């Protein structure tokens, strides 16, 4: 009987399950999103979120604890260098699971698990890119031209001053 056993065993032995979750966590940290089954995504979320919390404080001890779970120094470096600064202000809930339908071969329920702060589509706090709008020339175009014409004499005066300075230097030599 399975009384009191709260986590999903995923049909694997303990060593196989820990290796699976470790490798999936490394892939998630490296690629920021992965496709898998819903059951594995839920198990991965339970596995990786405490590691992300530990990564928020960059100490040698936390690095060693995270390395004991991941066993991949490149994933640990990526986690502490790029992921941790982005999730520093977030209080938990670092991952998002989006169900994507059923796998064609065996009809397994699949999902996309991703790091929340690395998705630009859903993240409202992300830096907004300036949209460049190109419109036809209208009444706004002559106003810009007038401003350029007004600035042009100042530029010409600076150029003439620079030429005068260089000619003075040549005459001194």
N, C-alpha and C. Protein backbone atom coordinates (compact mmCIF):
# COMPACT_ATOMS: atom_id res chain seq x y z
N UNK A 1 0.83 -1.19 0.00
CA UNK A 1 0.00 0.00 0.00
C UNK A 1 0.87 1.25 0.00
N UNK A 2 0.31 2.34 -0.46
CA UNK A 2 1.11 3.56 -0.58
C UNK A 2 0.64 4.64 0.39
N UNK A 3 0.24 4.28 1.57
CA UNK A 3 -0.22 5.26 2.54
C UNK A 3 0.90 6.22 2.93
N UNK A 4 0.61 7.50 2.88
CA UNK A 4 1.57 8.51 3.34
C UNK A 4 2.68 8.82 2.34
N UNK A 5 2.64 8.24 1.17
CA UNK A 5 3.67 8.53 0.16
C UNK A 5 3.09 9.57 -0.78
N UNK A 6 3.55 10.82 -0.60
CA UNK A 6 2.87 11.93 -1.26
C UNK A 6 3.40 12.28 -2.64
N UNK A 7 4.63 11.92 -2.97
CA UNK A 7 5.15 12.34 -4.27
C UNK A 7 4.98 11.23 -5.30
N UNK A 8 4.96 11.62 -6.56
CA UNK A 8 4.76 10.71 -7.67
C UNK A 8 6.05 9.93 -7.92
N UNK A 9 5.95 8.61 -7.94
CA UNK A 9 7.13 7.77 -8.16
C UNK A 9 7.47 7.63 -9.64
N UNK A 10 6.58 8.04 -10.50
CA UNK A 10 6.79 8.06 -11.95
C UNK A 10 7.15 6.68 -12.52
N UNK A 11 6.78 5.62 -11.83
CA UNK A 11 7.04 4.27 -12.32
C UNK A 11 8.52 3.94 -12.42
N UNK A 12 9.34 4.50 -11.55
CA UNK A 12 10.79 4.31 -11.61
C UNK A 12 11.34 4.01 -10.22
N UNK A 13 12.52 3.43 -10.20
CA UNK A 13 13.20 3.22 -8.92
C UNK A 13 13.69 4.57 -8.40
N UNK A 14 14.13 4.61 -7.16
CA UNK A 14 14.55 5.87 -6.55
C UNK A 14 15.74 6.46 -7.27
N UNK A 15 16.72 5.63 -7.64
CA UNK A 15 17.91 6.15 -8.31
C UNK A 15 17.58 6.66 -9.71
N UNK A 16 16.71 5.91 -10.42
CA UNK A 16 16.32 6.33 -11.77
C UNK A 16 15.53 7.63 -11.71
N UNK A 17 14.65 7.75 -10.71
CA UNK A 17 13.84 8.94 -10.55
C UNK A 17 14.70 10.16 -10.23
N UNK A 18 15.69 10.00 -9.34
CA UNK A 18 16.55 11.14 -9.00
C UNK A 18 17.40 11.56 -10.19
N UNK A 19 17.87 10.59 -10.97
CA UNK A 19 18.65 10.92 -12.17
C UNK A 19 17.78 11.63 -13.19
N UNK A 20 16.55 11.15 -13.36
CA UNK A 20 15.62 11.77 -14.31
C UNK A 20 15.34 13.21 -13.92
N UNK A 21 15.02 13.45 -12.65
CA UNK A 21 14.69 14.80 -12.21
C UNK A 21 15.91 15.71 -12.27
N UNK A 22 17.08 15.19 -11.95
CA UNK A 22 18.30 15.99 -12.03
C UNK A 22 18.57 16.43 -13.46
N UNK A 23 18.46 15.49 -14.40
CA UNK A 23 18.70 15.82 -15.81
C UNK A 23 17.64 16.78 -16.35
N UNK A 24 16.39 16.59 -15.95
CA UNK A 24 15.35 17.50 -16.41
C UNK A 24 15.54 18.89 -15.82
N UNK A 25 15.98 18.97 -14.58
CA UNK A 25 16.24 20.27 -13.95
C UNK A 25 17.38 20.99 -14.66
N UNK A 26 18.43 20.25 -15.02
CA UNK A 26 19.55 20.86 -15.77
C UNK A 26 19.08 21.38 -17.12
N UNK A 27 18.23 20.61 -17.80
CA UNK A 27 17.70 21.04 -19.09
C UNK A 27 16.82 22.27 -18.95
N UNK A 28 16.01 22.30 -17.90
CA UNK A 28 15.14 23.45 -17.68
C UNK A 28 15.96 24.71 -17.41
N UNK A 29 17.02 24.58 -16.63
CA UNK A 29 17.86 25.74 -16.31
C UNK A 29 18.60 26.20 -17.56
N UNK A 30 19.05 25.26 -18.36
CA UNK A 30 19.82 25.62 -19.57
C UNK A 30 18.94 26.22 -20.65
N UNK A 31 17.78 25.61 -20.92
CA UNK A 31 16.94 26.04 -22.04
C UNK A 31 15.77 26.93 -21.63
N UNK A 32 15.52 27.07 -20.34
CA UNK A 32 14.46 27.92 -19.77
C UNK A 32 13.06 27.37 -19.99
N UNK A 33 12.88 26.37 -20.83
CA UNK A 33 11.59 25.70 -21.01
C UNK A 33 11.83 24.35 -21.66
N UNK A 34 11.03 23.37 -21.25
CA UNK A 34 11.12 22.03 -21.84
C UNK A 34 9.73 21.44 -21.99
N UNK A 35 9.60 20.53 -22.94
CA UNK A 35 8.35 19.80 -23.15
C UNK A 35 8.48 18.42 -22.52
N UNK A 36 7.46 18.00 -21.77
CA UNK A 36 7.47 16.71 -21.11
C UNK A 36 6.03 16.32 -20.79
N UNK A 37 5.85 15.24 -20.05
CA UNK A 37 4.50 14.86 -19.65
C UNK A 37 4.07 15.70 -18.45
N UNK A 38 2.78 15.77 -18.21
CA UNK A 38 2.26 16.57 -17.10
C UNK A 38 2.77 16.02 -15.76
N UNK A 39 2.79 14.70 -15.60
CA UNK A 39 3.23 14.10 -14.34
C UNK A 39 4.70 14.44 -14.06
N UNK A 40 5.54 14.35 -15.09
CA UNK A 40 6.96 14.68 -14.90
C UNK A 40 7.15 16.17 -14.65
N UNK A 41 6.34 16.99 -15.30
CA UNK A 41 6.44 18.44 -15.09
C UNK A 41 6.08 18.80 -13.65
N UNK A 42 5.05 18.18 -13.11
CA UNK A 42 4.65 18.46 -11.73
C UNK A 42 5.71 17.97 -10.75
N UNK A 43 6.30 16.81 -11.04
CA UNK A 43 7.36 16.30 -10.17
C UNK A 43 8.60 17.19 -10.26
N UNK A 44 8.89 17.68 -11.46
CA UNK A 44 10.05 18.55 -11.66
C UNK A 44 9.86 19.88 -10.93
N UNK A 45 8.66 20.40 -10.94
CA UNK A 45 8.40 21.66 -10.24
C UNK A 45 8.71 21.53 -8.75
N UNK A 46 8.29 20.43 -8.14
CA UNK A 46 8.56 20.19 -6.72
C UNK A 46 10.05 20.05 -6.47
N UNK A 47 10.77 19.49 -7.44
CA UNK A 47 12.20 19.25 -7.31
C UNK A 47 13.03 20.52 -7.50
N UNK A 48 12.65 21.36 -8.48
CA UNK A 48 13.52 22.46 -8.89
C UNK A 48 13.24 23.77 -8.15
N UNK A 49 12.04 23.98 -7.66
CA UNK A 49 11.74 25.26 -7.01
C UNK A 49 12.56 25.51 -5.75
N UNK A 50 12.79 24.52 -4.88
CA UNK A 50 13.69 24.78 -3.74
C UNK A 50 15.12 25.11 -4.18
N UNK A 51 15.56 24.54 -5.30
CA UNK A 51 16.90 24.85 -5.80
C UNK A 51 16.96 26.30 -6.28
N UNK A 52 15.90 26.76 -6.92
CA UNK A 52 15.85 28.15 -7.37
C UNK A 52 15.84 29.11 -6.18
N UNK A 53 15.16 28.71 -5.11
CA UNK A 53 15.16 29.54 -3.91
C UNK A 53 16.55 29.63 -3.30
N UNK A 54 17.27 28.50 -3.28
CA UNK A 54 18.64 28.50 -2.75
C UNK A 54 19.56 29.37 -3.62
N UNK A 55 19.30 29.41 -4.91
CA UNK A 55 20.16 30.16 -5.83
C UNK A 55 20.03 31.66 -5.65
N UNK A 56 18.99 32.12 -4.98
CA UNK A 56 18.80 33.56 -4.79
C UNK A 56 19.89 34.16 -3.90
N UNK A 57 20.49 33.34 -3.03
CA UNK A 57 21.58 33.80 -2.18
C UNK A 57 22.84 33.06 -2.63
N UNK A 58 23.76 33.77 -3.23
CA UNK A 58 24.96 33.16 -3.82
C UNK A 58 26.04 32.98 -2.76
N UNK A 59 26.02 31.83 -2.11
CA UNK A 59 27.07 31.48 -1.16
C UNK A 59 27.69 30.17 -1.59
N UNK A 60 28.86 29.89 -1.08
CA UNK A 60 29.54 28.64 -1.42
C UNK A 60 28.70 27.45 -0.96
N UNK A 61 28.12 27.57 0.22
CA UNK A 61 27.30 26.48 0.73
C UNK A 61 26.11 26.20 -0.18
N UNK A 62 25.41 27.26 -0.60
CA UNK A 62 24.25 27.06 -1.48
C UNK A 62 24.67 26.47 -2.82
N UNK A 63 25.80 26.90 -3.34
CA UNK A 63 26.29 26.33 -4.60
C UNK A 63 26.56 24.83 -4.44
N UNK A 64 27.14 24.45 -3.33
CA UNK A 64 27.44 23.03 -3.11
C UNK A 64 26.17 22.22 -2.90
N UNK A 65 25.21 22.77 -2.22
CA UNK A 65 23.94 22.06 -2.02
C UNK A 65 23.24 21.86 -3.38
N UNK A 66 23.18 22.90 -4.18
CA UNK A 66 22.54 22.80 -5.50
C UNK A 66 23.31 21.83 -6.38
N UNK A 67 24.64 21.86 -6.31
CA UNK A 67 25.45 20.93 -7.11
C UNK A 67 25.19 19.48 -6.70
N UNK A 68 24.93 19.25 -5.41
CA UNK A 68 24.66 17.87 -4.96
C UNK A 68 23.37 17.34 -5.59
N UNK A 69 22.44 18.23 -5.94
CA UNK A 69 21.21 17.80 -6.62
C UNK A 69 21.40 17.69 -8.12
N UNK A 70 22.08 18.66 -8.73
CA UNK A 70 22.15 18.72 -10.19
C UNK A 70 23.31 17.93 -10.77
N UNK A 71 24.44 17.88 -10.09
CA UNK A 71 25.64 17.17 -10.57
C UNK A 71 26.10 17.67 -11.93
N UNK A 72 25.93 18.97 -12.18
CA UNK A 72 26.34 19.55 -13.45
C UNK A 72 26.82 20.97 -13.18
N UNK A 73 28.13 21.18 -13.28
CA UNK A 73 28.66 22.49 -12.89
C UNK A 73 28.24 23.60 -13.84
N UNK A 74 27.96 23.27 -15.10
CA UNK A 74 27.52 24.29 -16.05
C UNK A 74 26.10 24.76 -15.72
N UNK A 75 25.25 23.82 -15.32
CA UNK A 75 23.89 24.19 -14.93
C UNK A 75 23.91 25.03 -13.65
N UNK A 76 24.79 24.69 -12.72
CA UNK A 76 24.89 25.45 -11.48
C UNK A 76 25.37 26.87 -11.79
N UNK A 77 26.37 26.99 -12.66
CA UNK A 77 26.87 28.31 -13.03
C UNK A 77 25.79 29.14 -13.71
N UNK A 78 25.05 28.53 -14.63
CA UNK A 78 23.95 29.22 -15.32
C UNK A 78 22.88 29.66 -14.32
N UNK A 79 22.57 28.78 -13.38
CA UNK A 79 21.55 29.07 -12.38
C UNK A 79 21.94 30.27 -11.53
N UNK A 80 23.16 30.30 -11.06
CA UNK A 80 23.56 31.38 -10.16
C UNK A 80 23.90 32.68 -10.90
N UNK A 81 24.31 32.60 -12.17
CA UNK A 81 24.70 33.81 -12.92
C UNK A 81 23.52 34.49 -13.60
N UNK A 82 22.68 33.73 -14.29
CA UNK A 82 21.64 34.35 -15.10
C UNK A 82 20.24 34.20 -14.53
N UNK A 83 19.93 33.03 -13.97
CA UNK A 83 18.56 32.79 -13.50
C UNK A 83 18.31 33.50 -12.18
N UNK A 84 19.22 33.37 -11.23
CA UNK A 84 19.01 33.92 -9.88
C UNK A 84 18.78 35.43 -9.87
N UNK A 85 19.53 36.24 -10.63
CA UNK A 85 19.24 37.67 -10.61
C UNK A 85 17.83 38.02 -11.12
N UNK A 86 17.32 37.23 -12.06
CA UNK A 86 15.99 37.53 -12.60
C UNK A 86 14.88 37.16 -11.64
N UNK A 87 15.10 36.14 -10.82
CA UNK A 87 14.04 35.69 -9.90
C UNK A 87 14.23 36.25 -8.50
N UNK A 88 15.15 37.19 -8.32
CA UNK A 88 15.51 37.67 -6.99
C UNK A 88 14.32 38.29 -6.26
N UNK A 89 13.45 39.00 -6.95
CA UNK A 89 12.33 39.68 -6.29
C UNK A 89 11.12 38.79 -6.12
N UNK A 90 11.08 37.66 -6.80
CA UNK A 90 9.90 36.78 -6.78
C UNK A 90 9.91 35.90 -5.54
N UNK A 91 8.77 35.80 -4.88
CA UNK A 91 8.65 34.97 -3.68
C UNK A 91 7.98 33.64 -4.04
N UNK A 92 8.72 32.76 -4.66
CA UNK A 92 8.17 31.45 -5.03
C UNK A 92 7.42 31.52 -6.35
N UNK A 93 7.00 30.35 -6.82
CA UNK A 93 6.27 30.29 -8.08
C UNK A 93 7.16 30.61 -9.26
N UNK A 94 8.34 30.00 -9.32
CA UNK A 94 9.32 30.32 -10.36
C UNK A 94 9.03 29.62 -11.68
N UNK A 95 8.20 28.58 -11.66
CA UNK A 95 7.94 27.80 -12.88
C UNK A 95 6.46 27.88 -13.25
N UNK A 96 6.20 27.66 -14.52
CA UNK A 96 4.82 27.66 -15.04
C UNK A 96 4.65 26.39 -15.86
N UNK A 97 3.53 25.70 -15.65
CA UNK A 97 3.22 24.49 -16.41
C UNK A 97 2.02 24.81 -17.31
N UNK A 98 2.20 24.61 -18.61
CA UNK A 98 1.14 24.85 -19.58
C UNK A 98 0.86 23.52 -20.28
N UNK A 99 -0.36 23.05 -20.18
CA UNK A 99 -0.72 21.79 -20.82
C UNK A 99 -0.80 22.00 -22.33
N UNK A 100 -0.20 21.08 -23.08
CA UNK A 100 -0.11 21.26 -24.54
C UNK A 100 -0.86 20.20 -25.33
N UNK A 101 -1.62 19.35 -24.68
CA UNK A 101 -2.39 18.36 -25.43
C UNK A 101 -1.87 16.95 -25.17
N UNK A 102 -2.03 16.09 -26.18
CA UNK A 102 -1.70 14.69 -26.03
C UNK A 102 -0.63 14.29 -27.03
N UNK A 103 0.27 13.41 -26.60
CA UNK A 103 1.35 12.93 -27.46
C UNK A 103 0.77 11.93 -28.45
N UNK A 104 1.16 12.03 -29.73
CA UNK A 104 0.56 11.16 -30.76
C UNK A 104 0.81 9.67 -30.54
N UNK A 105 1.98 9.28 -30.07
CA UNK A 105 2.31 7.86 -29.98
C UNK A 105 1.52 7.10 -28.94
N UNK A 106 1.42 7.67 -27.73
CA UNK A 106 0.77 6.94 -26.63
C UNK A 106 -0.32 7.75 -25.95
N UNK A 107 -0.68 8.89 -26.49
CA UNK A 107 -1.74 9.75 -25.96
C UNK A 107 -1.45 10.21 -24.54
N UNK A 108 -0.17 10.34 -24.20
CA UNK A 108 0.19 10.85 -22.88
C UNK A 108 -0.10 12.35 -22.84
N UNK A 109 -0.57 12.81 -21.70
CA UNK A 109 -0.89 14.23 -21.51
C UNK A 109 0.43 14.99 -21.41
N UNK A 110 0.70 15.90 -22.33
CA UNK A 110 1.99 16.60 -22.36
C UNK A 110 1.83 18.03 -21.86
N UNK A 111 2.96 18.58 -21.46
CA UNK A 111 2.96 19.95 -20.92
C UNK A 111 4.28 20.62 -21.24
N UNK A 112 4.25 21.93 -21.18
CA UNK A 112 5.45 22.76 -21.31
C UNK A 112 5.72 23.34 -19.93
N UNK A 113 6.91 23.10 -19.40
CA UNK A 113 7.28 23.71 -18.13
C UNK A 113 8.35 24.73 -18.43
N UNK A 114 8.19 25.93 -17.86
CA UNK A 114 9.12 27.01 -18.16
C UNK A 114 9.38 27.86 -16.93
N UNK A 115 10.49 28.58 -16.97
CA UNK A 115 10.79 29.55 -15.92
C UNK A 115 9.98 30.81 -16.20
N UNK A 116 9.23 31.27 -15.23
CA UNK A 116 8.26 32.35 -15.42
C UNK A 116 8.93 33.64 -15.90
N UNK A 117 10.05 34.02 -15.31
CA UNK A 117 10.67 35.30 -15.62
C UNK A 117 11.38 35.33 -16.96
N UNK A 118 11.48 34.20 -17.65
CA UNK A 118 12.16 34.17 -18.93
C UNK A 118 11.20 34.12 -20.10
N UNK A 119 9.91 34.24 -19.87
CA UNK A 119 8.93 34.25 -20.95
C UNK A 119 8.49 35.69 -21.16
N UNK A 120 8.84 36.27 -22.29
CA UNK A 120 8.54 37.66 -22.57
C UNK A 120 7.07 37.88 -22.93
N UNK A 121 6.39 36.83 -23.40
CA UNK A 121 4.98 36.99 -23.80
C UNK A 121 4.07 37.16 -22.60
N UNK A 122 4.29 36.36 -21.56
CA UNK A 122 3.41 36.39 -20.39
C UNK A 122 3.89 37.33 -19.31
N UNK A 123 5.12 37.79 -19.38
CA UNK A 123 5.70 38.58 -18.29
C UNK A 123 5.40 40.05 -18.48
N UNK A 124 4.49 40.62 -17.70
CA UNK A 124 4.14 42.03 -17.89
C UNK A 124 5.23 42.98 -17.39
N UNK A 125 6.12 42.53 -16.51
CA UNK A 125 7.16 43.40 -15.96
C UNK A 125 8.41 43.45 -16.83
N UNK A 126 8.41 42.72 -17.92
CA UNK A 126 9.59 42.70 -18.78
C UNK A 126 9.78 44.07 -19.43
N UNK A 127 11.02 44.32 -19.80
CA UNK A 127 11.32 45.59 -20.44
C UNK A 127 10.62 45.64 -21.79
N UNK A 128 9.88 46.71 -22.01
CA UNK A 128 9.15 46.83 -23.26
C UNK A 128 10.06 47.38 -24.34
N UNK A 129 10.01 46.74 -25.49
CA UNK A 129 10.79 47.21 -26.61
C UNK A 129 10.04 48.35 -27.27
N UNK A 130 10.79 49.34 -27.72
CA UNK A 130 10.16 50.47 -28.39
C UNK A 130 9.75 50.04 -29.80
N UNK A 131 8.49 50.22 -30.10
CA UNK A 131 7.99 49.86 -31.41
C UNK A 131 8.29 51.01 -32.37
N UNK A 132 8.90 50.67 -33.47
CA UNK A 132 9.19 51.71 -34.46
C UNK A 132 8.01 51.78 -35.41
N UNK A 133 7.44 52.92 -35.48
CA UNK A 133 6.29 53.10 -36.37
C UNK A 133 6.74 53.88 -37.59
N UNK A 134 6.38 53.38 -38.69
CA UNK A 134 6.70 54.06 -39.94
C UNK A 134 5.39 54.51 -40.56
N UNK A 135 5.25 55.78 -40.73
CA UNK A 135 4.02 56.30 -41.31
C UNK A 135 4.36 57.16 -42.52
N UNK A 136 3.35 57.47 -43.24
CA UNK A 136 3.57 58.32 -44.41
C UNK A 136 3.86 59.73 -43.96
N UNK A 137 4.52 60.46 -44.80
CA UNK A 137 4.84 61.84 -44.45
C UNK A 137 3.56 62.64 -44.31
N UNK A 138 3.47 63.30 -43.20
CA UNK A 138 2.27 64.09 -42.95
C UNK A 138 2.68 65.49 -42.52
N UNK A 139 1.82 66.15 -41.81
CA UNK A 139 2.13 67.51 -41.38
C UNK A 139 3.26 67.52 -40.35
N UNK A 140 3.56 66.38 -39.73
CA UNK A 140 4.63 66.33 -38.73
C UNK A 140 6.00 66.41 -39.40
N UNK A 141 6.11 65.98 -40.62
CA UNK A 141 7.41 65.98 -41.31
C UNK A 141 7.96 67.39 -41.52
N UNK A 142 7.19 68.39 -41.96
CA UNK A 142 7.76 69.72 -42.13
C UNK A 142 8.24 70.33 -40.81
N UNK A 143 7.60 69.99 -39.69
CA UNK A 143 8.04 70.53 -38.40
C UNK A 143 9.43 70.03 -38.06
N UNK A 144 9.69 68.76 -38.34
CA UNK A 144 11.02 68.22 -38.10
C UNK A 144 12.04 68.90 -39.01
N UNK A 145 11.67 69.14 -40.24
CA UNK A 145 12.58 69.77 -41.18
C UNK A 145 12.93 71.18 -40.71
N UNK A 146 11.95 71.91 -40.18
CA UNK A 146 12.22 73.25 -39.67
C UNK A 146 13.19 73.20 -38.50
N UNK A 147 13.04 72.20 -37.63
CA UNK A 147 13.94 72.07 -36.48
C UNK A 147 15.35 71.78 -36.95
N UNK A 148 15.48 70.95 -37.96
CA UNK A 148 16.81 70.63 -38.49
C UNK A 148 17.44 71.87 -39.11
N UNK A 149 16.65 72.65 -39.84
CA UNK A 149 17.16 73.87 -40.46
C UNK A 149 17.59 74.86 -39.38
N UNK A 150 16.84 74.95 -38.30
CA UNK A 150 17.18 75.87 -37.23
C UNK A 150 18.49 75.45 -36.54
N UNK A 151 18.74 74.14 -36.44
CA UNK A 151 19.96 73.65 -35.79
C UNK A 151 21.16 73.74 -36.72
N UNK A 152 20.93 73.73 -38.00
CA UNK A 152 22.02 73.68 -38.97
C UNK A 152 23.01 74.84 -38.84
N UNK A 153 22.59 76.11 -38.65
CA UNK A 153 23.56 77.18 -38.51
C UNK A 153 24.49 76.99 -37.31
N UNK A 154 23.98 76.46 -36.23
CA UNK A 154 24.81 76.23 -35.05
C UNK A 154 25.91 75.21 -35.37
N UNK A 155 25.55 74.20 -36.12
CA UNK A 155 26.54 73.19 -36.49
C UNK A 155 27.58 73.81 -37.42
N UNK A 156 27.13 74.61 -38.37
CA UNK A 156 28.07 75.25 -39.30
C UNK A 156 29.01 76.17 -38.55
N UNK A 157 28.52 76.89 -37.52
CA UNK A 157 29.38 77.77 -36.74
C UNK A 157 30.46 76.97 -36.03
N UNK A 158 30.10 75.79 -35.48
CA UNK A 158 31.07 74.95 -34.78
C UNK A 158 32.14 74.45 -35.75
N UNK A 159 31.70 74.09 -36.94
CA UNK A 159 32.65 73.61 -37.95
C UNK A 159 33.63 74.73 -38.32
N UNK A 160 33.09 75.96 -38.50
CA UNK A 160 33.96 77.09 -38.85
C UNK A 160 34.94 77.39 -37.72
N UNK A 161 34.48 77.29 -36.45
CA UNK A 161 35.37 77.52 -35.32
C UNK A 161 36.48 76.48 -35.29
N UNK A 162 36.13 75.22 -35.57
CA UNK A 162 37.14 74.16 -35.57
C UNK A 162 38.16 74.39 -36.66
N UNK A 163 37.69 74.84 -37.84
CA UNK A 163 38.62 75.14 -38.94
C UNK A 163 39.54 76.29 -38.56
N UNK A 164 38.98 77.28 -37.90
CA UNK A 164 39.79 78.43 -37.49
C UNK A 164 40.85 78.00 -36.48
N UNK A 165 40.49 77.13 -35.56
CA UNK A 165 41.44 76.64 -34.56
C UNK A 165 42.59 75.89 -35.23
N UNK A 166 42.27 75.06 -36.22
CA UNK A 166 43.32 74.29 -36.88
C UNK A 166 44.23 75.19 -37.71
N UNK A 167 43.66 76.23 -38.33
CA UNK A 167 44.50 77.15 -39.11
C UNK A 167 45.41 77.95 -38.19
N UNK A 168 44.93 78.31 -36.99
CA UNK A 168 45.78 79.02 -36.04
C UNK A 168 46.94 78.15 -35.59
N UNK A 169 46.68 76.85 -35.37
CA UNK A 169 47.74 75.93 -34.96
C UNK A 169 48.81 75.81 -36.05
N UNK A 170 48.35 75.77 -37.31
CA UNK A 170 49.31 75.64 -38.41
C UNK A 170 50.18 76.88 -38.52
N UNK A 171 49.61 78.06 -38.30
CA UNK A 171 50.38 79.30 -38.43
C UNK A 171 51.39 79.41 -37.28
N UNK A 172 51.07 78.86 -36.10
CA UNK A 172 51.99 78.91 -34.98
C UNK A 172 53.20 78.04 -35.22
N UNK A 173 53.05 76.96 -35.94
CA UNK A 173 54.15 76.02 -36.19
C UNK A 173 55.11 76.68 -37.13
